[in-house]
Protein backbone atom coordinates (compact mmCIF):
# COMPACT_ATOMS: atom_id res chain seq x y z
CA MET A 1 106.16 -139.70 -6.39
CA ASN A 2 102.93 -141.60 -7.00
CA ILE A 3 100.31 -139.54 -8.88
CA LYS A 4 98.05 -142.32 -10.15
CA ARG A 5 94.83 -140.99 -8.62
CA SER A 6 95.50 -137.48 -9.97
CA GLU A 7 95.97 -138.91 -13.46
CA GLU A 8 92.71 -140.85 -13.18
CA LEU A 9 90.82 -137.78 -12.04
CA PHE A 10 92.27 -135.65 -14.82
CA LYS A 11 91.12 -138.15 -17.46
CA GLU A 12 87.63 -138.11 -15.97
CA ALA A 13 87.60 -134.31 -15.66
CA GLN A 14 88.37 -133.87 -19.36
CA LYS A 15 85.08 -135.60 -20.22
CA TYR A 16 83.02 -132.92 -18.50
CA ILE A 17 85.20 -129.79 -18.08
CA PRO A 18 86.99 -127.99 -20.97
CA GLY A 19 90.62 -129.07 -20.73
CA GLY A 20 89.81 -130.82 -17.46
CA VAL A 21 90.22 -127.62 -15.40
CA ASN A 22 88.08 -124.62 -14.47
CA SER A 23 90.89 -122.10 -14.99
CA PRO A 24 93.48 -122.54 -17.78
CA VAL A 25 96.70 -121.98 -15.82
CA ARG A 26 95.91 -125.01 -13.61
CA ALA A 27 96.32 -127.34 -16.59
CA PHE A 28 100.16 -127.59 -16.51
CA LYS A 29 100.00 -126.92 -20.25
CA SER A 30 103.02 -124.61 -20.31
CA VAL A 31 105.20 -126.85 -18.13
CA GLY A 32 104.10 -130.24 -19.51
CA GLY A 33 102.46 -133.13 -17.72
CA ASN A 34 99.10 -133.29 -15.98
CA PRO A 35 97.80 -131.25 -13.06
CA LEU A 36 97.78 -132.61 -9.54
CA PHE A 37 94.46 -132.78 -7.74
CA ILE A 38 94.65 -131.39 -4.22
CA SER A 39 92.74 -132.96 -1.35
CA LYS A 40 93.63 -130.62 1.53
CA GLY A 41 95.84 -127.80 2.72
CA HIS A 42 97.06 -126.80 6.15
CA GLY A 43 99.56 -124.11 7.07
CA SER A 44 102.32 -123.95 4.45
CA LYS A 45 101.54 -127.39 3.01
CA MET A 46 99.16 -128.96 0.49
CA THR A 47 98.45 -132.67 0.03
CA ASP A 48 97.32 -134.21 -3.25
CA VAL A 49 94.83 -137.05 -3.68
CA ASP A 50 97.70 -139.56 -3.80
CA GLY A 51 98.97 -138.46 -0.40
CA ASN A 52 102.00 -136.48 -1.62
CA GLU A 53 102.73 -133.40 0.51
CA TYR A 54 104.13 -130.15 -0.91
CA ILE A 55 105.38 -126.86 0.48
CA ASP A 56 102.99 -124.49 -1.29
CA TYR A 57 104.11 -121.21 -2.86
CA ILE A 58 100.89 -120.49 -4.75
CA GLY A 59 98.62 -119.94 -1.75
CA SER A 60 95.49 -119.96 -3.95
CA TRP A 61 97.28 -117.40 -6.17
CA GLY A 62 98.06 -114.98 -3.39
CA PRO A 63 95.37 -114.67 -0.72
CA HIS A 64 96.72 -117.11 1.85
CA ILE A 65 99.18 -114.83 3.61
CA PHE A 66 98.42 -116.80 6.79
CA GLY A 67 98.70 -120.16 5.07
CA HIS A 68 95.94 -122.67 4.46
CA ASN A 69 92.98 -122.95 6.78
CA PRO A 70 94.01 -120.80 9.77
CA ASP A 71 91.73 -121.27 12.77
CA PHE A 72 90.43 -117.68 12.84
CA VAL A 73 89.29 -118.01 9.22
CA LYS A 74 87.53 -121.32 9.88
CA ASP A 75 85.84 -119.88 12.97
CA ALA A 76 84.53 -116.88 11.02
CA LEU A 77 83.17 -119.15 8.30
CA TYR A 78 81.51 -121.58 10.70
CA ASN A 79 79.85 -118.74 12.58
CA ALA A 80 78.52 -117.20 9.37
CA ILE A 81 77.15 -120.53 8.10
CA GLU A 82 75.12 -120.90 11.29
CA ASN A 83 73.06 -117.87 10.27
CA GLY A 84 72.68 -118.66 6.56
CA VAL A 85 74.83 -118.55 3.45
CA SER A 86 73.07 -115.91 1.33
CA PHE A 87 70.04 -113.63 1.55
CA GLY A 88 70.09 -111.29 -1.44
CA ALA A 89 69.40 -108.52 1.07
CA PRO A 90 71.63 -106.14 3.05
CA THR A 91 73.49 -107.43 6.10
CA GLU A 92 75.40 -105.59 8.82
CA ILE A 93 78.67 -107.38 8.04
CA GLU A 94 78.78 -105.62 4.64
CA ILE A 95 78.91 -102.23 6.37
CA LYS A 96 81.56 -103.37 8.83
CA MET A 97 83.63 -104.79 5.99
CA ALA A 98 83.33 -101.65 3.82
CA LYS A 99 84.23 -99.43 6.76
CA LEU A 100 87.29 -101.53 7.59
CA VAL A 101 88.56 -101.57 4.00
CA THR A 102 88.23 -97.80 3.70
CA GLU A 103 90.05 -97.34 7.03
CA ILE A 104 93.02 -99.44 5.87
CA ILE A 105 93.29 -98.09 2.30
CA PRO A 106 93.41 -94.26 2.40
CA SER A 107 92.46 -93.80 -1.28
CA LEU A 108 89.15 -95.63 -0.79
CA GLU A 109 86.41 -93.21 0.21
CA MET A 110 83.65 -95.62 -0.85
CA VAL A 111 83.73 -99.27 -1.92
CA ARG A 112 81.43 -101.71 -3.75
CA MET A 113 81.75 -105.45 -3.08
CA VAL A 114 81.62 -107.88 -6.00
CA ASN A 115 82.40 -111.57 -6.53
CA SER A 116 85.72 -111.70 -8.38
CA GLY A 117 88.69 -109.72 -9.55
CA THR A 118 87.38 -109.73 -13.12
CA GLU A 119 84.10 -108.24 -11.92
CA ALA A 120 85.99 -105.59 -9.98
CA THR A 121 88.19 -104.45 -12.87
CA MET A 122 85.33 -104.58 -15.38
CA SER A 123 83.16 -102.46 -13.07
CA ALA A 124 85.96 -99.98 -12.34
CA VAL A 125 86.48 -99.26 -16.05
CA ARG A 126 82.72 -98.89 -16.51
CA ALA A 127 82.62 -96.44 -13.60
CA ALA A 128 85.47 -94.43 -15.14
CA ARG A 129 83.72 -94.34 -18.51
CA GLY A 130 80.42 -93.31 -16.96
CA TYR A 131 82.07 -90.65 -14.84
CA THR A 132 84.14 -89.08 -17.64
CA GLY A 133 81.73 -89.63 -20.52
CA ARG A 134 84.63 -91.07 -22.54
CA GLU A 135 84.97 -94.54 -24.05
CA LYS A 136 88.65 -95.42 -24.55
CA PHE A 137 91.08 -96.65 -21.91
CA ILE A 138 94.75 -97.53 -21.72
CA LYS A 139 96.12 -100.83 -20.45
CA PHE A 140 99.64 -102.22 -20.56
CA GLU A 141 101.14 -105.11 -22.47
CA GLY A 142 101.52 -108.11 -20.16
CA CYS A 143 99.18 -106.82 -17.44
CA TYR A 144 96.21 -109.06 -16.71
CA HIS A 145 92.94 -107.63 -15.45
CA GLY A 146 90.66 -110.64 -15.74
CA HIS A 147 88.85 -112.07 -18.71
CA ALA A 148 86.37 -109.33 -19.65
CA ASP A 149 86.41 -108.91 -23.43
CA TYR A 150 88.15 -105.55 -23.61
CA PHE A 151 90.96 -106.70 -21.29
CA LEU A 152 92.04 -109.67 -23.41
CA ILE A 153 94.28 -107.63 -25.63
CA LYS A 154 97.90 -108.75 -25.20
CA ALA A 155 97.02 -109.95 -21.72
CA GLY A 156 99.34 -111.54 -19.19
CA SER A 157 98.92 -114.62 -16.97
CA GLY A 158 97.10 -117.57 -18.56
CA ALA A 159 96.62 -115.77 -21.88
CA LEU A 160 100.36 -115.11 -22.05
CA THR A 161 101.29 -118.60 -20.88
CA LEU A 162 99.07 -120.25 -23.46
CA GLY A 163 100.20 -117.97 -26.26
CA VAL A 164 96.72 -116.49 -26.76
CA PRO A 165 97.27 -112.77 -26.13
CA THR A 166 94.03 -111.89 -27.95
CA SER A 167 91.26 -114.39 -27.36
CA PRO A 168 88.86 -115.59 -30.06
CA GLY A 169 85.41 -114.32 -29.17
CA VAL A 170 86.64 -110.80 -28.45
CA THR A 171 85.00 -108.56 -31.05
CA THR A 172 86.73 -105.76 -32.93
CA GLY A 173 84.12 -103.44 -31.44
CA ASN A 174 85.35 -104.28 -27.97
CA ALA A 175 89.00 -104.18 -28.90
CA LYS A 176 88.94 -100.80 -30.64
CA ASP A 177 88.52 -98.87 -27.39
CA THR A 178 91.44 -100.62 -25.70
CA LEU A 179 94.70 -98.71 -26.20
CA MET A 180 97.92 -100.62 -25.53
CA ALA A 181 100.95 -99.01 -23.89
CA ASP A 182 104.29 -100.38 -22.71
CA PHE A 183 104.74 -101.00 -18.98
CA ASN A 184 107.32 -98.69 -17.37
CA ASP A 185 107.48 -96.59 -20.55
CA LEU A 186 105.95 -93.17 -19.96
CA GLU A 187 106.55 -91.99 -23.53
CA SER A 188 104.28 -94.73 -24.90
CA VAL A 189 101.49 -93.43 -22.62
CA LYS A 190 102.04 -89.79 -23.58
CA LYS A 191 101.87 -90.73 -27.27
CA LEU A 192 98.50 -92.46 -26.86
CA VAL A 193 97.10 -89.59 -24.80
CA SER A 194 98.22 -87.10 -27.44
CA GLU A 195 96.72 -89.15 -30.28
CA ASN A 196 93.42 -89.62 -28.44
CA LYS A 197 92.94 -86.21 -26.84
CA ASN A 198 89.88 -86.00 -24.54
CA GLU A 199 88.82 -89.54 -25.50
CA ILE A 200 90.50 -91.58 -22.74
CA ALA A 201 88.42 -92.39 -19.68
CA ALA A 202 90.94 -94.41 -17.69
CA ILE A 203 94.41 -95.84 -17.37
CA ILE A 204 94.34 -99.25 -15.66
CA VAL A 205 97.54 -100.88 -14.50
CA GLU A 206 98.93 -103.50 -12.15
CA PRO A 207 101.21 -101.25 -10.06
CA ILE A 208 103.26 -104.34 -9.33
CA ALA A 209 102.60 -106.72 -12.19
CA GLY A 210 102.12 -110.31 -11.13
CA ASN A 211 101.02 -111.80 -14.42
CA MET A 212 104.17 -111.44 -16.53
CA GLY A 213 106.14 -112.54 -13.53
CA VAL A 214 106.69 -109.99 -10.76
CA VAL A 215 107.59 -106.60 -12.25
CA ARG A 216 107.49 -103.42 -10.17
CA MET A 217 106.39 -100.12 -11.60
CA SER A 218 109.28 -97.63 -11.38
CA ASP A 219 108.79 -94.61 -9.14
CA GLU A 220 109.23 -92.28 -12.11
CA PHE A 221 106.61 -94.18 -14.11
CA ALA A 222 104.13 -94.18 -11.23
CA LYS A 223 104.50 -90.43 -10.66
CA GLY A 224 104.26 -89.81 -14.39
CA LEU A 225 100.98 -91.71 -14.70
CA ARG A 226 99.51 -89.76 -11.80
CA GLN A 227 100.56 -86.47 -13.38
CA ILE A 228 99.18 -87.37 -16.82
CA CYS A 229 95.84 -88.40 -15.34
CA ASP A 230 95.59 -85.18 -13.30
CA GLU A 231 96.39 -83.01 -16.31
CA GLU A 232 94.10 -84.84 -18.75
CA GLY A 233 91.09 -85.63 -16.52
CA ILE A 234 91.76 -89.37 -16.82
CA VAL A 235 90.80 -91.81 -14.05
CA LEU A 236 93.83 -93.72 -12.75
CA ILE A 237 92.91 -97.29 -11.76
CA PHE A 238 95.26 -99.50 -9.79
CA ASP A 239 94.49 -103.20 -10.18
CA GLU A 240 95.44 -104.52 -6.75
CA VAL A 241 93.58 -107.82 -7.02
CA MET A 242 96.88 -109.59 -6.40
CA THR A 243 98.91 -106.97 -4.52
CA GLY A 244 96.24 -105.55 -2.22
CA PHE A 245 97.03 -106.51 1.41
CA ARG A 246 99.78 -108.79 0.05
CA VAL A 247 102.83 -106.58 -0.57
CA ALA A 248 101.91 -104.20 2.28
CA LYS A 249 98.93 -103.44 4.49
CA GLY A 250 98.02 -100.57 2.17
CA GLY A 251 98.87 -102.53 -0.96
CA ALA A 252 101.12 -101.48 -3.84
CA GLN A 253 99.88 -97.90 -3.59
CA GLU A 254 101.47 -97.73 -0.14
CA VAL A 255 104.74 -99.14 -1.50
CA LEU A 256 104.77 -96.67 -4.39
CA GLY A 257 103.39 -93.68 -2.48
CA ILE A 258 100.81 -93.00 -5.21
CA LYS A 259 97.08 -92.46 -4.65
CA PRO A 260 94.93 -93.79 -7.53
CA ASP A 261 91.39 -92.58 -8.26
CA LEU A 262 89.97 -96.11 -8.23
CA SER A 263 91.39 -99.41 -6.99
CA THR A 264 90.33 -103.01 -7.45
CA PHE A 265 90.78 -105.81 -4.94
CA GLY A 266 90.12 -109.52 -4.62
CA LYS A 267 91.54 -112.72 -3.16
CA ILE A 268 92.73 -111.67 0.30
CA ILE A 269 89.69 -109.57 1.24
CA GLY A 270 87.68 -112.79 1.31
CA GLY A 271 90.37 -114.92 2.92
CA GLY A 272 90.39 -117.13 -0.17
CA LEU A 273 86.62 -117.18 -0.76
CA PRO A 274 85.22 -115.86 -4.08
CA VAL A 275 85.18 -112.07 -3.64
CA GLY A 276 86.28 -108.81 -5.19
CA ALA A 277 85.84 -105.08 -4.61
CA PHE A 278 86.36 -101.77 -6.34
CA GLY A 279 86.38 -98.32 -4.81
CA GLY A 280 87.98 -94.93 -4.60
CA LYS A 281 86.92 -91.32 -4.86
CA LYS A 282 83.45 -90.60 -3.50
CA GLU A 283 82.57 -88.38 -6.47
CA ILE A 284 83.10 -91.33 -8.82
CA MET A 285 81.61 -94.06 -6.63
CA GLU A 286 78.42 -92.07 -5.97
CA ARG A 287 77.68 -92.39 -9.69
CA ILE A 288 77.22 -96.16 -9.22
CA ALA A 289 73.61 -97.45 -9.10
CA PRO A 290 71.40 -97.07 -7.16
CA SER A 291 72.81 -93.66 -6.10
CA GLY A 292 73.74 -92.86 -9.71
CA PRO A 293 73.14 -93.98 -13.32
CA ILE A 294 76.13 -96.34 -13.80
CA TYR A 295 74.72 -99.84 -13.45
CA GLN A 296 76.47 -102.61 -11.55
CA ALA A 297 74.83 -105.48 -9.69
CA GLY A 298 75.31 -108.99 -8.30
CA THR A 299 73.06 -111.31 -6.32
CA LEU A 300 75.96 -112.69 -4.28
CA SER A 301 77.88 -109.42 -3.95
CA GLY A 302 78.72 -108.85 -0.28
CA ASN A 303 77.48 -112.31 0.66
CA PRO A 304 77.80 -113.04 4.40
CA LEU A 305 80.29 -115.90 4.03
CA ALA A 306 82.90 -113.92 2.09
CA MET A 307 82.28 -110.76 4.15
CA SER A 308 82.61 -112.59 7.48
CA VAL A 309 85.86 -114.25 6.49
CA GLY A 310 87.16 -111.07 4.87
CA TYR A 311 86.37 -109.06 7.99
CA ALA A 312 88.23 -111.60 10.12
CA VAL A 313 91.29 -111.48 7.82
CA LEU A 314 91.45 -107.69 7.54
CA SER A 315 90.84 -107.28 11.28
CA TYR A 316 93.73 -109.64 11.92
CA ILE A 317 95.92 -107.60 9.56
CA LYS A 318 94.89 -104.32 11.18
CA GLU A 319 95.64 -105.61 14.68
CA ASN A 320 98.88 -107.38 13.70
CA SER A 321 100.73 -104.86 11.55
CA LYS A 322 104.06 -106.63 12.17
CA ILE A 323 102.84 -109.43 9.90
CA TYR A 324 104.47 -107.59 6.98
CA GLU A 325 107.80 -107.40 8.76
CA LEU A 326 107.60 -111.17 9.23
CA LEU A 327 106.69 -111.73 5.56
CA GLU A 328 109.57 -109.50 4.47
CA GLU A 329 112.02 -111.34 6.71
CA LYS A 330 111.02 -114.75 5.33
CA SER A 331 110.98 -113.52 1.73
CA VAL A 332 114.42 -111.92 2.04
CA TYR A 333 115.79 -115.16 3.51
CA LEU A 334 114.41 -117.21 0.61
CA GLU A 335 115.60 -114.73 -2.02
CA LYS A 336 119.09 -114.63 -0.52
CA GLY A 337 119.35 -118.41 -0.53
CA MET A 338 118.20 -118.68 -4.13
CA LYS A 339 120.60 -115.96 -5.29
CA GLU A 340 123.48 -117.73 -3.55
CA ASN A 341 122.51 -120.92 -5.40
CA LEU A 342 122.65 -119.06 -8.72
CA GLU A 343 126.11 -117.74 -7.87
CA ARG A 344 127.32 -121.25 -7.02
CA LEU A 345 126.08 -122.45 -10.40
CA GLY A 346 127.55 -119.50 -12.28
CA LYS A 347 124.17 -118.16 -13.36
CA ASN A 348 122.78 -114.64 -13.13
CA TYR A 349 119.10 -115.26 -13.74
CA ALA A 350 116.87 -112.27 -13.08
CA MET A 351 115.09 -112.36 -9.74
CA ASN A 352 112.38 -109.80 -8.98
CA ARG A 353 110.81 -109.44 -5.56
CA VAL A 354 108.44 -106.98 -3.91
CA GLY A 355 107.47 -107.94 -0.38
CA SER A 356 106.26 -111.54 -0.27
CA MET A 357 105.84 -111.77 -4.06
CA SER A 358 108.81 -112.92 -6.13
CA CYS A 359 109.78 -114.51 -9.43
CA MET A 360 112.89 -116.05 -10.95
CA PHE A 361 113.14 -115.61 -14.72
CA PHE A 362 115.26 -117.89 -16.89
CA THR A 363 116.97 -114.93 -18.53
CA GLU A 364 120.06 -113.03 -17.44
CA GLU A 365 118.63 -109.75 -18.70
CA GLU A 366 116.98 -107.43 -16.18
CA VAL A 367 113.18 -107.84 -16.37
CA THR A 368 111.37 -104.50 -16.30
CA ASP A 369 108.47 -104.98 -18.74
CA PHE A 370 106.67 -107.42 -21.01
CA LYS A 371 109.34 -107.45 -23.70
CA THR A 372 112.10 -108.44 -21.27
CA ALA A 373 109.86 -110.88 -19.38
CA VAL A 374 109.12 -112.96 -22.47
CA LYS A 375 112.83 -113.48 -23.07
CA SER A 376 112.73 -115.99 -20.23
CA ASN A 377 113.33 -119.59 -21.31
CA THR A 378 109.91 -121.15 -20.64
CA GLU A 379 111.05 -124.63 -21.68
CA LEU A 380 113.74 -124.52 -19.02
CA TYR A 381 111.21 -123.25 -16.49
CA GLY A 382 109.02 -126.28 -17.23
CA LYS A 383 111.91 -128.63 -16.45
CA TYR A 384 112.71 -126.66 -13.29
CA PHE A 385 109.06 -126.77 -12.18
CA HIS A 386 108.94 -130.57 -12.38
CA GLU A 387 112.28 -130.98 -10.61
CA MET A 388 110.98 -128.80 -7.77
CA LEU A 389 107.72 -130.72 -7.68
CA LYS A 390 109.62 -134.01 -7.35
CA ARG A 391 111.34 -132.50 -4.30
CA GLY A 392 108.06 -131.52 -2.67
CA ILE A 393 107.93 -127.84 -3.70
CA TYR A 394 104.72 -126.62 -5.36
CA LEU A 395 105.29 -123.58 -7.59
CA ALA A 396 103.06 -121.90 -10.17
CA PRO A 397 102.82 -124.13 -13.27
CA ALA A 398 103.76 -121.15 -15.44
CA GLN A 399 106.84 -118.95 -15.73
CA PHE A 400 104.82 -115.75 -15.78
CA GLU A 401 103.35 -115.99 -12.29
CA ALA A 402 104.43 -115.01 -8.81
CA MET A 403 105.80 -117.09 -5.97
CA PHE A 404 104.00 -116.24 -2.70
CA VAL A 405 105.50 -116.60 0.77
CA SER A 406 103.14 -116.90 3.75
CA SER A 407 103.61 -116.02 7.40
CA VAL A 408 103.57 -119.72 8.31
CA HIS A 409 106.39 -120.84 6.03
CA SER A 410 108.91 -122.07 8.60
CA LYS A 411 112.69 -121.81 8.41
CA GLU A 412 112.69 -125.55 7.75
CA ASP A 413 110.32 -124.97 4.79
CA LEU A 414 112.50 -122.21 3.41
CA ASP A 415 115.73 -124.20 3.84
CA LYS A 416 114.18 -127.21 2.13
CA THR A 417 113.07 -124.94 -0.72
CA ILE A 418 116.54 -123.40 -1.10
CA ASP A 419 118.12 -126.87 -1.19
CA ALA A 420 115.54 -128.07 -3.73
CA HIS A 421 116.16 -124.96 -5.82
CA TYR A 422 119.89 -125.75 -6.02
CA GLU A 423 119.42 -129.44 -6.80
CA SER A 424 116.71 -128.72 -9.39
CA LEU A 425 118.81 -126.18 -11.25
CA LYS A 426 121.83 -128.47 -11.08
CA ALA A 427 119.74 -131.26 -12.64
CA ILE A 428 118.60 -129.22 -15.66
CA LEU A 429 121.58 -126.98 -16.46
């Protein structure tokens, strides 16, 4: 595999960009080696600048459920560009998009468009604080909600991968209002609520964590959180930036059968363009400026490019509900093949999957929370990652991330991946 041009570009990038990348997890730091620079993507494949082709299981970290560059997405983008890229004024497509999102997600009575998942989660917590008049909130160890200061307390994803669970630059003033509980442990939540009576504005959680690997919230835990929030007047926030429209049409809240007070979205609702959204109960959302006193703003929020593509994607999902049956079928096939490989090799590594999101952990202990996730052998994962890459399979360059299957991954793609999985494990064990 020739990667000369990628290596040259990475050297040049490091002169002008911190670490040579614009998001830490792209740097290959936890798996070793240098990142590959991608030149194009089509369907289930990506091609790097040296001409190497890979079957892609990142899909821009989740949004590409229809693969790279589907025609209906390109058409929506081209049509929007013809009329202008940004106005800083209201457009009709924003209304159509908001209406469509609220039709698909029952818990969303009103929605505000933003530009990223971080913006969405940050704004949702602010809305909860403004609505309740309280300052503290609970998050869970290993869950990642973007890089706002008060979220970077034992965070997942890149912070976990790089071993920086609490980032320098986060003040003690910010950190003091963030209460840390254990994922899937209701008693840890009850303890915090008891110790901080009438001080907690919100509980924010990834209902299906995707940033300590894929870890599903148990049904008992989900119901318990809903009950606690109802009893204590706490706003329950589901961070569905990764899971929204990915694990099911109605997101993780559909899978779990739980209705949060606020939800955050990103990625898919812009078809891969920079976008995010938060929404939920009307009584909370009507407190957002300009209809209420809680300030939130953004020049590019609801910009016509992201809204046009997002409307095309969500319309496609609404009209083709069987897409999730197809994703499930492909994901089950891949999971089955990988589990059979593990049996052949005499290994019982933990494999978690919810819909088209999955993760193999290099530990034989069941992974249900942060503490069990970090028992995975990350050094071994790094070796596995590079063996898969050599065989044309592009996975997340970090153990604690999800593997995403798209609707355009063919049986040939999946079979090649299963074969590569066996050969890669055989080479490192």
